[in-house]
Amino acid sequence: MADGEEAALRLRADAGDAEATIELGRLLYRSDRLDEAEAWLRRAAPTGDLAAMLGLGATLQKQGCDDEAEEWFRRGAEAQDARGCSTLGTC
C-alpha cells in the first residue's frame, strides 16, 4: 500500500471510520509497525468487531504480551469465531 493510501486511511480512521481504523491497524501490523498497529486496533476491538479483536490479539502476541493476546482471542472464540477458536485450541 502506498504512503498516500496509508495517509487516506489515517484521515478516515481519525474521522471515526471503523473500517478504516481496522484496515490501518492491519496495514501497520503487516509492516511490522506493531506499536502503531496496537494503538489503532485498540480503538476498534472494544466495539466487538471480530477482525479488530483478532488483529489486536495477533499484534499483542507478536509483541510477547501473551496473556492479553489470549484475552482478545478468547473474546473472538466466545463470539463463535473459528479463527479465535483455532488460536486458542477450543470450540
C-alpha atoms as a PDB file:
ATOM      1  CA  MET A   1       0.000   0.000   0.000  1.00  0.00           C
ATOM      2  CA  ALA A   2       1.405   3.373  -0.982  1.00  0.00           C
ATOM      3  CA  ASP A   3       2.051   6.135   1.523  1.00  0.00           C
ATOM      4  CA  GLY A   4      -0.851   8.087   0.036  1.00  0.00           C
ATOM      5  CA  GLU A   5      -3.193   5.196   0.713  1.00  0.00           C
ATOM      6  CA  GLU A   6      -1.948   4.956   4.302  1.00  0.00           C
ATOM      7  CA  ALA A   7      -2.498   8.694   4.721  1.00  0.00           C
ATOM      8  CA  ALA A   8      -6.032   8.369   3.358  1.00  0.00           C
ATOM      9  CA  LEU A   9      -6.748   5.525   5.801  1.00  0.00           C
ATOM     10  CA  ARG A  10      -5.414   7.651   8.662  1.00  0.00           C
ATOM     11  CA  LEU A  11      -7.715  10.528   7.711  1.00  0.00           C
ATOM     12  CA  ARG A  12     -10.729   8.235   7.588  1.00  0.00           C
ATOM     13  CA  ALA A  13      -9.752   6.488  10.821  1.00  0.00           C
ATOM     14  CA  ASP A  14      -9.233   9.827  12.588  1.00  0.00           C
ATOM     15  CA  ALA A  15     -12.710  10.816  11.420  1.00  0.00           C
ATOM     16  CA  GLY A  16     -14.153   7.737  13.139  1.00  0.00           C
ATOM     17  CA  ASP A  17     -14.438   5.318  10.213  1.00  0.00           C
ATOM     18  CA  ALA A  18     -14.305   1.920  11.955  1.00  0.00           C
ATOM     19  CA  GLU A  19     -13.437   0.004   8.798  1.00  0.00           C
ATOM     20  CA  ALA A  20     -10.512   2.349   8.085  1.00  0.00           C
ATOM     21  CA  THR A  21      -9.334   2.017  11.683  1.00  0.00           C
ATOM     22  CA  ILE A  22      -9.158  -1.766  11.371  1.00  0.00           C
ATOM     23  CA  GLU A  23      -7.587  -1.686   7.910  1.00  0.00           C
ATOM     24  CA  LEU A  24      -4.954   0.787   9.087  1.00  0.00           C
ATOM     25  CA  GLY A  25      -4.150  -1.433  12.070  1.00  0.00           C
ATOM     26  CA  ARG A  26      -3.794  -4.442   9.771  1.00  0.00           C
ATOM     27  CA  LEU A  27      -1.594  -2.481   7.358  1.00  0.00           C
ATOM     28  CA  LEU A  28       0.675  -1.388  10.187  1.00  0.00           C
ATOM     29  CA  TYR A  29       0.823  -4.958  11.527  1.00  0.00           C
ATOM     30  CA  ARG A  30       1.884  -6.259   8.113  1.00  0.00           C
ATOM     31  CA  SER A  31       4.536  -3.520   8.013  1.00  0.00           C
ATOM     32  CA  ASP A  32       5.793  -4.697  11.425  1.00  0.00           C
ATOM     33  CA  ARG A  33       4.888  -1.351  12.976  1.00  0.00           C
ATOM     34  CA  LEU A  34       3.392  -3.095  15.948  1.00  0.00           C
ATOM     35  CA  ASP A  35       3.099  -0.200  18.409  1.00  0.00           C
ATOM     36  CA  GLU A  36       1.113   1.818  15.878  1.00  0.00           C
ATOM     37  CA  ALA A  37      -0.976  -1.207  14.887  1.00  0.00           C
ATOM     38  CA  GLU A  38      -1.802  -1.881  18.510  1.00  0.00           C
ATOM     39  CA  ALA A  39      -2.943   1.695  19.091  1.00  0.00           C
ATOM     40  CA  TRP A  40      -5.341   1.643  16.130  1.00  0.00           C
ATOM     41  CA  LEU A  41      -6.671  -1.838  16.814  1.00  0.00           C
ATOM     42  CA  ARG A  42      -7.292  -0.933  20.457  1.00  0.00           C
ATOM     43  CA  ARG A  43      -9.716   1.711  19.215  1.00  0.00           C
ATOM     44  CA  ALA A  44     -11.758  -0.817  17.270  1.00  0.00           C
ATOM     45  CA  ALA A  45     -11.522  -4.035  19.295  1.00  0.00           C
ATOM     46  CA  PRO A  46     -13.805  -2.971  22.180  1.00  0.00           C
ATOM     47  CA  THR A  47     -16.646  -2.432  19.700  1.00  0.00           C
ATOM     48  CA  GLY A  48     -16.833  -6.195  19.235  1.00  0.00           C
ATOM     49  CA  ASP A  49     -15.504  -6.255  15.676  1.00  0.00           C
ATOM     50  CA  LEU A  50     -14.002  -9.707  15.192  1.00  0.00           C
ATOM     51  CA  ALA A  51     -11.275  -8.594  12.781  1.00  0.00           C
ATOM     52  CA  ALA A  52     -10.182  -5.930  15.270  1.00  0.00           C
ATOM     53  CA  MET A  53     -10.232  -8.323  18.234  1.00  0.00           C
ATOM     54  CA  LEU A  54      -8.222 -10.972  16.436  1.00  0.00           C
ATOM     55  CA  GLY A  55      -5.877  -8.413  14.899  1.00  0.00           C
ATOM     56  CA  LEU A  56      -5.210  -6.943  18.320  1.00  0.00           C
ATOM     57  CA  GLY A  57      -4.654 -10.426  19.722  1.00  0.00           C
ATOM     58  CA  ALA A  58      -2.150 -11.231  16.974  1.00  0.00           C
ATOM     59  CA  THR A  59      -0.377  -7.906  17.459  1.00  0.00           C
ATOM     60  CA  LEU A  60      -0.100  -8.410  21.205  1.00  0.00           C
ATOM     61  CA  GLN A  61       1.076 -11.983  20.737  1.00  0.00           C
ATOM     62  CA  LYS A  62       3.791 -10.860  18.327  1.00  0.00           C
ATOM     63  CA  GLN A  63       4.895  -8.322  20.955  1.00  0.00           C
ATOM     64  CA  GLY A  64       5.137 -11.053  23.598  1.00  0.00           C
ATOM     65  CA  CYS A  65       2.028  -9.978  25.533  1.00  0.00           C
ATOM     66  CA  ASP A  66       0.587 -13.480  25.543  1.00  0.00           C
ATOM     67  CA  ASP A  67      -1.866 -13.091  28.433  1.00  0.00           C
ATOM     68  CA  GLU A  68      -3.589 -10.070  26.942  1.00  0.00           C
ATOM     69  CA  ALA A  69      -3.444 -11.608  23.459  1.00  0.00           C
ATOM     70  CA  GLU A  70      -5.236 -14.670  24.806  1.00  0.00           C
ATOM     71  CA  GLU A  71      -7.947 -12.438  26.246  1.00  0.00           C
ATOM     72  CA  TRP A  72      -8.689 -10.970  22.799  1.00  0.00           C
ATOM     73  CA  PHE A  73      -8.553 -14.377  21.103  1.00  0.00           C
ATOM     74  CA  ARG A  74     -10.956 -15.666  23.760  1.00  0.00           C
ATOM     75  CA  ARG A  75     -13.381 -12.844  23.014  1.00  0.00           C
ATOM     76  CA  GLY A  76     -13.310 -13.897  19.365  1.00  0.00           C
ATOM     77  CA  ALA A  77     -13.887 -17.511  20.347  1.00  0.00           C
ATOM     78  CA  GLU A  78     -16.793 -16.523  22.603  1.00  0.00           C
ATOM     79  CA  ALA A  79     -18.328 -14.820  19.598  1.00  0.00           C
ATOM     80  CA  GLN A  80     -18.035 -18.240  17.903  1.00  0.00           C
ATOM     81  CA  ASP A  81     -15.376 -17.073  15.515  1.00  0.00           C
ATOM     82  CA  ALA A  82     -13.438 -20.025  14.078  1.00  0.00           C
ATOM     83  CA  ARG A  83     -10.133 -18.096  13.965  1.00  0.00           C
ATOM     84  CA  GLY A  84     -10.391 -17.234  17.653  1.00  0.00           C
ATOM     85  CA  CYS A  85     -11.281 -20.829  18.462  1.00  0.00           C
ATOM     86  CA  SER A  86      -8.387 -22.266  16.470  1.00  0.00           C
ATOM     87  CA  THR A  87      -5.881 -19.848  18.013  1.00  0.00           C
ATOM     88  CA  LEU A  88      -6.990 -20.913  21.465  1.00  0.00           C
ATOM     89  CA  GLY A  89      -7.398 -24.572  20.512  1.00  0.00           C
ATOM     90  CA  THR A  90     -11.049 -24.572  21.619  1.00  0.00           C
ATOM     91  CA  CYS A  91     -14.524 -24.986  20.095  1.00  0.00           C
END
